[in-house]
């Protein structure tokens, strides 16, 4: 029995070792492809939001205006808001980039992605979103969108990355979350008042463009 147990442990160790090389290969591919993209904006939002929804239209128009200003658009490559972002970039003849993730539901890339990179690991994909984006635009979405939002806020707050624009679109959608941050999280001292300045809100695609441009004109 002891001998069999040692063999199982050895096999597990070997599997974990090879996983390191798979992770490295994802980093290398991501760095090589995205380093050629130039200035970009990452757009996040829910995959369940349908074409025709006001937030879909808002994301498409925002991506269109950003692409017209020379920004590449990076999304998670899936449906919903991601599709809207890539569609807007394509409509403006801009660079439309998708970072796809392999998940059990088998997310497929939307038809508006021109440059596609596939990932197995969420954490590698998240590094790519942050490293190659000049700004984040956060549209209404679920857990994945919230994950990207709060990770970016935390990285900026803790100075693990430099400050950059984090813009939340859809005031009505985010209202209760912002109130909770103000009246629960801030009130109990778990964040500082200035931490609420890390992000901005707007429902105007033109303001998104001007906010990003103003930020980089000052730096």
C-alpha atoms as a PDB file:
ATOM      1  CA  UNK A   1       0.000   0.000   0.000  1.00  0.00           C
ATOM      2  CA  UNK A   2       2.797   2.407   0.901  1.00  0.00           C
ATOM      3  CA  UNK A   3       4.495   1.847  -2.457  1.00  0.00           C
ATOM      4  CA  UNK A   4       1.276   2.590  -4.389  1.00  0.00           C
ATOM      5  CA  UNK A   5       0.721   5.752  -2.378  1.00  0.00           C
ATOM      6  CA  UNK A   6       4.211   7.034  -3.234  1.00  0.00           C
ATOM      7  CA  UNK A   7       3.599   6.419  -6.942  1.00  0.00           C
ATOM      8  CA  UNK A   8       0.368   8.427  -6.829  1.00  0.00           C
ATOM      9  CA  UNK A   9       2.109  11.288  -5.067  1.00  0.00           C
ATOM     10  CA  UNK A  10       4.909  11.263  -7.637  1.00  0.00           C
ATOM     11  CA  UNK A  11       2.418  11.390 -10.504  1.00  0.00           C
ATOM     12  CA  UNK A  12       0.629  14.334  -8.870  1.00  0.00           C
ATOM     13  CA  UNK A  13       3.916  16.204  -8.472  1.00  0.00           C
ATOM     14  CA  UNK A  14       4.807  15.608 -12.088  1.00  0.00           C
ATOM     15  CA  UNK A  15       1.409  16.871 -13.247  1.00  0.00           C
ATOM     16  CA  UNK A  16       1.812  20.066 -11.235  1.00  0.00           C
ATOM     17  CA  UNK A  17       5.288  20.619 -12.684  1.00  0.00           C
ATOM     18  CA  UNK A  18       4.002  20.421 -16.258  1.00  0.00           C
ATOM     19  CA  UNK A  19       1.165  22.796 -15.380  1.00  0.00           C
ATOM     20  CA  UNK A  20       3.803  25.465 -14.693  1.00  0.00           C
ATOM     21  CA  UNK A  21       4.956  25.194 -18.319  1.00  0.00           C
ATOM     22  CA  UNK A  22       1.374  25.547 -19.583  1.00  0.00           C
ATOM     23  CA  UNK A  23       0.995  28.695 -17.494  1.00  0.00           C
ATOM     24  CA  UNK A  24       4.292  30.048 -18.815  1.00  0.00           C
ATOM     25  CA  UNK A  25       3.227  29.401 -22.395  1.00  0.00           C
ATOM     26  CA  UNK A  26       0.027  31.402 -21.866  1.00  0.00           C
ATOM     27  CA  UNK A  27       1.995  34.334 -20.492  1.00  0.00           C
ATOM     28  CA  UNK A  28       4.456  34.210 -23.391  1.00  0.00           C
ATOM     29  CA  UNK A  29       1.755  34.076 -26.059  1.00  0.00           C
ATOM     30  CA  UNK A  30      -0.223  36.863 -24.393  1.00  0.00           C
ATOM     31  CA  UNK A  31       2.817  39.126 -24.061  1.00  0.00           C
ATOM     32  CA  UNK A  32       3.926  38.517 -27.651  1.00  0.00           C
ATOM     33  CA  UNK A  33       0.515  39.222 -29.207  1.00  0.00           C
ATOM     34  CA  UNK A  34      -0.687  42.081 -27.029  1.00  0.00           C
ATOM     35  CA  UNK A  35       2.614  43.952 -27.038  1.00  0.00           C
ATOM     36  CA  UNK A  36       1.860  44.689 -30.707  1.00  0.00           C
ATOM     37  CA  UNK A  37      -1.591  46.147 -30.038  1.00  0.00           C
ATOM     38  CA  UNK A  38      -0.577  49.589 -28.786  1.00  0.00           C
ATOM     39  CA  UNK A  39      -2.802  51.707 -26.556  1.00  0.00           C
ATOM     40  CA  UNK A  40      -5.981  49.867 -25.611  1.00  0.00           C
ATOM     41  CA  UNK A  41      -9.058  50.008 -23.408  1.00  0.00           C
ATOM     42  CA  UNK A  42     -10.530  46.919 -21.742  1.00  0.00           C
ATOM     43  CA  UNK A  43     -14.335  46.750 -21.686  1.00  0.00           C
ATOM     44  CA  UNK A  44     -16.057  44.421 -19.214  1.00  0.00           C
ATOM     45  CA  UNK A  45     -19.706  43.492 -18.815  1.00  0.00           C
ATOM     46  CA  UNK A  46     -22.265  40.723 -18.660  1.00  0.00           C
ATOM     47  CA  UNK A  47     -22.384  37.925 -21.220  1.00  0.00           C
ATOM     48  CA  UNK A  48     -26.167  37.572 -20.806  1.00  0.00           C
ATOM     49  CA  UNK A  49     -27.012  41.067 -22.041  1.00  0.00           C
ATOM     50  CA  UNK A  50     -28.736  40.817 -25.413  1.00  0.00           C
ATOM     51  CA  UNK A  51     -28.398  42.955 -28.545  1.00  0.00           C
ATOM     52  CA  UNK A  52     -31.004  45.681 -28.358  1.00  0.00           C
ATOM     53  CA  UNK A  53     -30.528  46.133 -24.615  1.00  0.00           C
ATOM     54  CA  UNK A  54     -29.642  49.725 -23.705  1.00  0.00           C
ATOM     55  CA  UNK A  55     -26.362  48.626 -22.124  1.00  0.00           C
ATOM     56  CA  UNK A  56     -25.394  46.650 -25.222  1.00  0.00           C
ATOM     57  CA  UNK A  57     -25.955  49.767 -27.332  1.00  0.00           C
ATOM     58  CA  UNK A  58     -24.041  51.885 -24.818  1.00  0.00           C
ATOM     59  CA  UNK A  59     -21.058  49.518 -24.890  1.00  0.00           C
ATOM     60  CA  UNK A  60     -21.034  49.398 -28.690  1.00  0.00           C
ATOM     61  CA  UNK A  61     -21.118  53.186 -29.030  1.00  0.00           C
ATOM     62  CA  UNK A  62     -18.424  53.642 -26.386  1.00  0.00           C
ATOM     63  CA  UNK A  63     -16.143  51.149 -28.116  1.00  0.00           C
ATOM     64  CA  UNK A  64     -16.820  52.802 -31.460  1.00  0.00           C
ATOM     65  CA  UNK A  65     -15.809  56.255 -30.204  1.00  0.00           C
ATOM     66  CA  UNK A  66     -12.721  54.905 -28.429  1.00  0.00           C
ATOM     67  CA  UNK A  67     -11.627  53.049 -31.552  1.00  0.00           C
ATOM     68  CA  UNK A  68     -12.093  56.196 -33.621  1.00  0.00           C
ATOM     69  CA  UNK A  69      -9.629  57.858 -31.237  1.00  0.00           C
ATOM     70  CA  UNK A  70      -7.065  55.154 -31.935  1.00  0.00           C
ATOM     71  CA  UNK A  71      -7.634  52.859 -28.955  1.00  0.00           C
ATOM     72  CA  UNK A  72      -7.724  49.106 -29.466  1.00  0.00           C
ATOM     73  CA  UNK A  73     -10.668  47.461 -27.702  1.00  0.00           C
ATOM     74  CA  UNK A  74     -10.010  44.413 -25.528  1.00  0.00           C
ATOM     75  CA  UNK A  75     -12.876  42.244 -24.259  1.00  0.00           C
ATOM     76  CA  UNK A  76     -13.328  38.728 -22.949  1.00  0.00           C
ATOM     77  CA  UNK A  77     -14.408  37.769 -26.513  1.00  0.00           C
ATOM     78  CA  UNK A  78     -17.758  36.281 -25.509  1.00  0.00           C
ATOM     79  CA  UNK A  79     -21.364  37.377 -26.089  1.00  0.00           C
ATOM     80  CA  UNK A  80     -23.280  40.248 -24.498  1.00  0.00           C
ATOM     81  CA  UNK A  81     -21.300  43.351 -23.580  1.00  0.00           C
ATOM     82  CA  UNK A  82     -18.117  41.714 -24.855  1.00  0.00           C
ATOM     83  CA  UNK A  83     -19.676  41.267 -28.282  1.00  0.00           C
ATOM     84  CA  UNK A  84     -20.929  44.864 -28.215  1.00  0.00           C
ATOM     85  CA  UNK A  85     -17.413  46.139 -27.473  1.00  0.00           C
ATOM     86  CA  UNK A  86     -15.836  44.169 -30.285  1.00  0.00           C
ATOM     87  CA  UNK A  87     -18.649  45.144 -32.647  1.00  0.00           C
ATOM     88  CA  UNK A  88     -18.097  48.842 -31.939  1.00  0.00           C
ATOM     89  CA  UNK A  89     -14.376  48.495 -32.559  1.00  0.00           C
ATOM     90  CA  UNK A  90     -14.979  46.663 -35.838  1.00  0.00           C
ATOM     91  CA  UNK A  91     -17.491  49.308 -36.953  1.00  0.00           C
ATOM     92  CA  UNK A  92     -14.839  51.983 -36.428  1.00  0.00           C
ATOM     93  CA  UNK A  93     -12.221  49.914 -38.301  1.00  0.00           C
ATOM     94  CA  UNK A  94     -10.248  49.724 -35.063  1.00  0.00           C
ATOM     95  CA  UNK A  95      -8.389  46.848 -33.446  1.00  0.00           C
ATOM     96  CA  UNK A  96     -10.820  44.350 -31.936  1.00  0.00           C
ATOM     97  CA  UNK A  97      -9.153  41.984 -29.456  1.00  0.00           C
ATOM     98  CA  UNK A  98     -10.695  39.073 -27.546  1.00  0.00           C
ATOM     99  CA  UNK A  99      -9.197  37.197 -24.603  1.00  0.00           C
ATOM    100  CA  UNK A 100     -11.204  33.994 -24.491  1.00  0.00           C
ATOM    101  CA  UNK A 101     -11.360  31.698 -21.449  1.00  0.00           C
ATOM    102  CA  UNK A 102     -11.927  27.947 -21.496  1.00  0.00           C
ATOM    103  CA  UNK A 103     -14.766  27.246 -19.059  1.00  0.00           C
ATOM    104  CA  UNK A 104     -17.204  24.308 -18.704  1.00  0.00           C
ATOM    105  CA  UNK A 105     -19.924  26.214 -20.601  1.00  0.00           C
ATOM    106  CA  UNK A 106     -17.495  26.424 -23.560  1.00  0.00           C
ATOM    107  CA  UNK A 107     -17.570  30.136 -24.233  1.00  0.00           C
ATOM    108  CA  UNK A 108     -17.041  30.823 -27.918  1.00  0.00           C
ATOM    109  CA  UNK A 109     -15.535  33.934 -29.399  1.00  0.00           C
ATOM    110  CA  UNK A 110     -17.984  36.404 -30.911  1.00  0.00           C
ATOM    111  CA  UNK A 111     -17.776  37.111 -34.638  1.00  0.00           C
ATOM    112  CA  UNK A 112     -16.445  40.652 -34.198  1.00  0.00           C
ATOM    113  CA  UNK A 113     -13.071  39.644 -32.733  1.00  0.00           C
ATOM    114  CA  UNK A 114     -10.106  40.116 -35.078  1.00  0.00           C
ATOM    115  CA  UNK A 115      -7.265  39.142 -32.725  1.00  0.00           C
ATOM    116  CA  UNK A 116      -8.081  36.195 -30.464  1.00  0.00           C
ATOM    117  CA  UNK A 117      -6.059  34.635 -27.643  1.00  0.00           C
ATOM    118  CA  UNK A 118      -7.315  31.586 -25.743  1.00  0.00           C
ATOM    119  CA  UNK A 119      -6.589  31.038 -22.046  1.00  0.00           C
ATOM    120  CA  UNK A 120      -7.032  28.165 -19.625  1.00  0.00           C
ATOM    121  CA  UNK A 121      -6.218  30.200 -16.531  1.00  0.00           C
ATOM    122  CA  UNK A 122      -8.250  33.164 -15.339  1.00  0.00           C
ATOM    123  CA  UNK A 123      -5.323  34.740 -13.482  1.00  0.00           C
ATOM    124  CA  UNK A 124      -3.135  34.820 -16.616  1.00  0.00           C
ATOM    125  CA  UNK A 125      -5.973  36.382 -18.597  1.00  0.00           C
ATOM    126  CA  UNK A 126      -6.528  39.001 -15.903  1.00  0.00           C
ATOM    127  CA  UNK A 127      -2.872  40.019 -16.060  1.00  0.00           C
ATOM    128  CA  UNK A 128      -3.278  40.660 -19.790  1.00  0.00           C
ATOM    129  CA  UNK A 129      -6.351  42.839 -19.271  1.00  0.00           C
ATOM    130  CA  UNK A 130      -4.483  45.046 -16.812  1.00  0.00           C
ATOM    131  CA  UNK A 131      -1.027  45.114 -18.380  1.00  0.00           C
ATOM    132  CA  UNK A 132      -2.109  46.242 -21.837  1.00  0.00           C
ATOM    133  CA  UNK A 133      -5.030  48.556 -21.042  1.00  0.00           C
ATOM    134  CA  UNK A 134      -4.863  52.323 -20.619  1.00  0.00           C
ATOM    135  CA  UNK A 135      -8.296  52.249 -18.959  1.00  0.00           C
ATOM    136  CA  UNK A 136     -11.085  49.936 -17.822  1.00  0.00           C
ATOM    137  CA  UNK A 137     -14.702  50.536 -18.815  1.00  0.00           C
ATOM    138  CA  UNK A 138     -17.008  48.571 -16.518  1.00  0.00           C
ATOM    139  CA  UNK A 139     -20.494  47.921 -17.879  1.00  0.00           C
ATOM    140  CA  UNK A 140     -23.314  46.125 -16.017  1.00  0.00           C
ATOM    141  CA  UNK A 141     -22.532  42.471 -15.427  1.00  0.00           C
ATOM    142  CA  UNK A 142     -22.300  39.651 -12.925  1.00  0.00           C
ATOM    143  CA  UNK A 143     -19.623  37.998 -10.796  1.00  0.00           C
ATOM    144  CA  UNK A 144     -16.947  38.088 -13.507  1.00  0.00           C
ATOM    145  CA  UNK A 145     -17.467  41.794 -14.092  1.00  0.00           C
ATOM    146  CA  UNK A 146     -17.421  42.488 -10.356  1.00  0.00           C
ATOM    147  CA  UNK A 147     -14.231  40.471 -10.048  1.00  0.00           C
ATOM    148  CA  UNK A 148     -12.488  42.591 -12.675  1.00  0.00           C
ATOM    149  CA  UNK A 149     -13.835  45.812 -11.143  1.00  0.00           C
ATOM    150  CA  UNK A 150     -12.698  45.117  -7.590  1.00  0.00           C
ATOM    151  CA  UNK A 151      -9.369  43.615  -8.620  1.00  0.00           C
ATOM    152  CA  UNK A 152      -8.526  46.797 -10.535  1.00  0.00           C
ATOM    153  CA  UNK A 153      -9.615  49.004  -7.619  1.00  0.00           C
ATOM    154  CA  UNK A 154      -7.579  46.926  -5.185  1.00  0.00           C
ATOM    155  CA  UNK A 155      -4.440  46.973  -7.349  1.00  0.00           C
ATOM    156  CA  UNK A 156      -4.636  50.759  -7.675  1.00  0.00           C
ATOM    157  CA  UNK A 157      -5.475  51.272  -3.995  1.00  0.00           C
ATOM    158  CA  UNK A 158      -2.519  49.170  -2.849  1.00  0.00           C
ATOM    159  CA  UNK A 159      -0.233  50.744  -5.482  1.00  0.00           C
ATOM    160  CA  UNK A 160       0.599  47.408  -7.044  1.00  0.00           C
ATOM    161  CA  UNK A 161      -0.057  49.091 -10.391  1.00  0.00           C
ATOM    162  CA  UNK A 162      -0.077  52.732 -11.446  1.00  0.00           C
ATOM    163  CA  UNK A 163      -3.282  54.698 -11.358  1.00  0.00           C
ATOM    164  CA  UNK A 164      -5.397  54.583 -14.520  1.00  0.00           C
ATOM    165  CA  UNK A 165      -9.026  55.418 -15.375  1.00  0.00           C
ATOM    166  CA  UNK A 166     -11.654  52.961 -14.122  1.00  0.00           C
ATOM    167  CA  UNK A 167     -14.984  54.119 -15.520  1.00  0.00           C
ATOM    168  CA  UNK A 168     -18.299  52.565 -14.504  1.00  0.00           C
ATOM    169  CA  UNK A 169     -21.134  52.963 -16.984  1.00  0.00           C
ATOM    170  CA  UNK A 170     -24.786  52.514 -16.079  1.00  0.00           C
ATOM    171  CA  UNK A 171     -25.456  54.737 -13.051  1.00  0.00           C
ATOM    172  CA  UNK A 172     -28.831  53.153 -12.408  1.00  0.00           C
ATOM    173  CA  UNK A 173     -27.348  49.666 -12.371  1.00  0.00           C
ATOM    174  CA  UNK A 174     -24.452  50.515 -10.048  1.00  0.00           C
ATOM    175  CA  UNK A 175     -26.360  52.878  -7.723  1.00  0.00           C
ATOM    176  CA  UNK A 176     -26.984  50.451  -4.861  1.00  0.00           C
ATOM    177  CA  UNK A 177     -23.414  49.129  -4.955  1.00  0.00           C
ATOM    178  CA  UNK A 178     -21.986  52.659  -4.734  1.00  0.00           C
ATOM    179  CA  UNK A 179     -24.336  53.500  -1.864  1.00  0.00           C
ATOM    180  CA  UNK A 180     -23.205  50.362  -0.041  1.00  0.00           C
ATOM    181  CA  UNK A 181     -19.566  51.338  -0.494  1.00  0.00           C
ATOM    182  CA  UNK A 182     -20.292  54.797   0.887  1.00  0.00           C
ATOM    183  CA  UNK A 183     -22.589  53.927   3.765  1.00  0.00           C
ATOM    184  CA  UNK A 184     -21.262  50.531   4.851  1.00  0.00           C
ATOM    185  CA  UNK A 185     -17.681  49.990   3.700  1.00  0.00           C
ATOM    186  CA  UNK A 186     -16.521  53.602   4.109  1.00  0.00           C
ATOM    187  CA  UNK A 187     -18.561  54.198   7.251  1.00  0.00           C
ATOM    188  CA  UNK A 188     -16.968  51.245   9.023  1.00  0.00           C
ATOM    189  CA  UNK A 189     -13.478  52.434   8.077  1.00  0.00           C
ATOM    190  CA  UNK A 190     -12.654  49.604   5.703  1.00  0.00           C
ATOM    191  CA  UNK A 191     -11.795  52.026   2.917  1.00  0.00           C
ATOM    192  CA  UNK A 192     -10.765  55.686   2.912  1.00  0.00           C
ATOM    193  CA  UNK A 193     -12.819  58.443   1.358  1.00  0.00           C
ATOM    194  CA  UNK A 194     -10.176  59.019  -1.322  1.00  0.00           C
ATOM    195  CA  UNK A 195     -10.509  55.378  -2.378  1.00  0.00           C
ATOM    196  CA  UNK A 196     -13.886  56.266  -3.843  1.00  0.00           C
ATOM    197  CA  UNK A 197     -12.060  58.584  -6.237  1.00  0.00           C
ATOM    198  CA  UNK A 198     -10.281  55.667  -7.903  1.00  0.00           C
ATOM    199  CA  UNK A 199     -13.300  55.177 -10.162  1.00  0.00           C
ATOM    200  CA  UNK A 200     -15.673  57.513 -11.977  1.00  0.00           C
ATOM    201  CA  UNK A 201     -19.206  57.082 -13.322  1.00  0.00           C
ATOM    202  CA  UNK A 202     -20.896  58.217 -16.500  1.00  0.00           C
ATOM    203  CA  UNK A 203     -23.568  57.166 -18.983  1.00  0.00           C
ATOM    204  CA  UNK A 204     -22.097  59.258 -21.800  1.00  0.00           C
ATOM    205  CA  UNK A 205     -19.740  57.475 -24.241  1.00  0.00           C
ATOM    206  CA  UNK A 206     -18.179  60.806 -25.228  1.00  0.00           C
ATOM    207  CA  UNK A 207     -17.330  61.481 -21.590  1.00  0.00           C
ATOM    208  CA  UNK A 208     -15.553  58.139 -21.396  1.00  0.00           C
ATOM    209  CA  UNK A 209     -13.293  59.205 -24.257  1.00  0.00           C
ATOM    210  CA  UNK A 210     -12.647  62.665 -22.814  1.00  0.00           C
ATOM    211  CA  UNK A 211     -11.959  61.272 -19.325  1.00  0.00           C
ATOM    212  CA  UNK A 212      -9.303  58.906 -20.658  1.00  0.00           C
ATOM    213  CA  UNK A 213      -7.722  61.542 -22.885  1.00  0.00           C
ATOM    214  CA  UNK A 214      -7.609  64.113 -20.072  1.00  0.00           C
ATOM    215  CA  UNK A 215      -6.006  61.618 -17.714  1.00  0.00           C
ATOM    216  CA  UNK A 216      -3.116  60.945 -20.092  1.00  0.00           C
ATOM    217  CA  UNK A 217      -2.681  64.579 -21.055  1.00  0.00           C
ATOM    218  CA  UNK A 218      -1.861  65.267 -17.387  1.00  0.00           C
ATOM    219  CA  UNK A 219       0.651  62.407 -17.081  1.00  0.00           C
END
